[in-house]
C-alpha atoms as a PDB file:
ATOM      1  CA  MET A   1       5.341   9.630   4.778  1.00  0.00           C
ATOM      2  CA  THR A   2       4.323   7.658   7.657  1.00  0.00           C
ATOM      3  CA  GLY A   3       0.112   8.334   8.062  1.00  0.00           C
ATOM      4  CA  GLN A   4       0.105   8.974   4.140  1.00  0.00           C
ATOM      5  CA  ASP A   5      -3.065   8.033   2.038  1.00  0.00           C
ATOM      6  CA  VAL A   6      -0.857   5.327  -0.423  1.00  0.00           C
ATOM      7  CA  ALA A   7      -2.831   3.346  -3.689  1.00  0.00           C
ATOM      8  CA  VAL A   8      -0.834   0.483  -4.928  1.00  0.00           C
ATOM      9  CA  LYS A   9       0.301  -0.470  -8.345  1.00  0.00           C
ATOM     10  CA  PRO A  10      -1.253  -3.032 -10.449  1.00  0.00           C
ATOM     11  CA  GLU A  11      -1.005  -5.928 -10.032  1.00  0.00           C
ATOM     12  CA  THR A  12       0.996  -5.563  -6.493  1.00  0.00           C
ATOM     13  CA  ARG A  13       1.676  -8.751  -4.344  1.00  0.00           C
ATOM     14  CA  ASN A  14       2.172  -8.707   0.195  1.00  0.00           C
ATOM     15  CA  HIS A  15       4.415 -10.343   1.777  1.00  0.00           C
ATOM     16  CA  LYS A  16       2.862 -13.479   0.577  1.00  0.00           C
ATOM     17  CA  GLY A  17       2.349 -13.224  -2.818  1.00  0.00           C
ATOM     18  CA  PHE A  18      -1.365 -12.566  -2.626  1.00  0.00           C
ATOM     19  CA  PHE A  19      -2.736  -9.799  -5.104  1.00  0.00           C
ATOM     20  CA  ILE A  20      -3.996  -6.716  -3.234  1.00  0.00           C
ATOM     21  CA  GLN A  21      -7.051  -5.002  -3.965  1.00  0.00           C
ATOM     22  CA  ASP A  22      -5.756  -1.503  -6.400  1.00  0.00           C
ATOM     23  CA  THR A  23      -7.613   1.262  -3.973  1.00  0.00           C
ATOM     24  CA  SER A  24      -6.364   3.669  -1.821  1.00  0.00           C
ATOM     25  CA  TYR A  25      -4.504   2.866   1.972  1.00  0.00           C
ATOM     26  CA  LYS A  26      -3.066   4.354   4.728  1.00  0.00           C
ATOM     27  CA  LEU A  27       0.568   3.805   4.979  1.00  0.00           C
ATOM     28  CA  MET A  28       1.366   2.675   8.882  1.00  0.00           C
ATOM     29  CA  GLY A  29       5.120   2.521   7.998  1.00  0.00           C
ATOM     30  CA  ILE A  30       8.119   0.719   7.577  1.00  0.00           C
ATOM     31  CA  ASP A  31       9.085  -2.774   9.336  1.00  0.00           C
ATOM     32  CA  GLU A  32      12.712  -3.403   9.849  1.00  0.00           C
ATOM     33  CA  ALA A  33      12.770  -5.977   7.275  1.00  0.00           C
ATOM     34  CA  GLY A  34      11.846  -3.383   4.582  1.00  0.00           C
ATOM     35  CA  TRP A  35       7.941  -4.389   4.218  1.00  0.00           C
ATOM     36  CA  ALA A  36       6.551  -1.441   4.811  1.00  0.00           C
ATOM     37  CA  LEU A  37       2.375  -1.436   6.433  1.00  0.00           C
ATOM     38  CA  ILE A  38       0.165  -0.538   3.938  1.00  0.00           C
ATOM     39  CA  CYS A  39      -3.456  -0.679   5.924  1.00  0.00           C
ATOM     40  CA  PHE A  40      -6.906  -0.412   3.927  1.00  0.00           C
ATOM     41  CA  ASP A  41      -9.026  -0.338   7.608  1.00  0.00           C
ATOM     42  CA  GLU A  42      -8.679  -1.593  11.372  1.00  0.00           C
ATOM     43  CA  ALA A  43      -9.442  -5.421  10.008  1.00  0.00           C
ATOM     44  CA  VAL A  44      -7.356  -5.499   6.775  1.00  0.00           C
ATOM     45  CA  CYS A  45      -3.980  -4.433   6.343  1.00  0.00           C
ATOM     46  CA  HIS A  46      -1.037  -5.945   4.095  1.00  0.00           C
ATOM     47  CA  TYR A  47       2.923  -5.832   4.207  1.00  0.00           C
ATOM     48  CA  VAL A  48       4.277  -5.434   0.435  1.00  0.00           C
ATOM     49  CA  ASP A  49       7.192  -3.703  -1.137  1.00  0.00           C
ATOM     50  CA  PRO A  50       7.548   0.106  -0.992  1.00  0.00           C
ATOM     51  CA  GLU A  51       8.821  -0.118  -4.811  1.00  0.00           C
ATOM     52  CA  SER A  52       5.321  -0.471  -4.913  1.00  0.00           C
ATOM     53  CA  LEU A  53       3.371   2.249  -3.633  1.00  0.00           C
ATOM     54  CA  GLU A  54       2.908   5.700  -4.718  1.00  0.00           C
ATOM     55  CA  SER A  55       0.904   8.600  -2.913  1.00  0.00           C
ATOM     56  CA  CYS A  56      -2.654   9.288  -4.088  1.00  0.00           C
ATOM     57  CA  GLU A  57      -1.628  12.981  -5.379  1.00  0.00           C
ATOM     58  CA  GLU A  58       0.436  11.103  -8.199  1.00  0.00           C
ATOM     59  CA  MET A  59      -2.489   8.959  -9.303  1.00  0.00           C
ATOM     60  CA  GLY A  60      -4.076  10.915  -9.839  1.00  0.00           C
ATOM     61  CA  ASP A  61      -8.049  10.032 -10.380  1.00  0.00           C
ATOM     62  CA  ASN A  62      -6.793   6.514 -11.376  1.00  0.00           C
ATOM     63  CA  LEU A  63      -7.990   5.473  -8.217  1.00  0.00           C
ATOM     64  CA  VAL A  64     -11.112   2.725  -7.952  1.00  0.00           C
END
């Protein structure tokens, strides 16, 4: 699943507790603590709960 395009479920928060934008991201990997690292581009990345992710194929036309 690493390197795959993923989307976040509505109202997903990052590891700091802030809401993140509902859009598609690239899954970079899951760290030893269990957080999934997702990146929008080279400058915008977030650690999130892997349970908050869905593959873009599952989202279909629901992406923003």
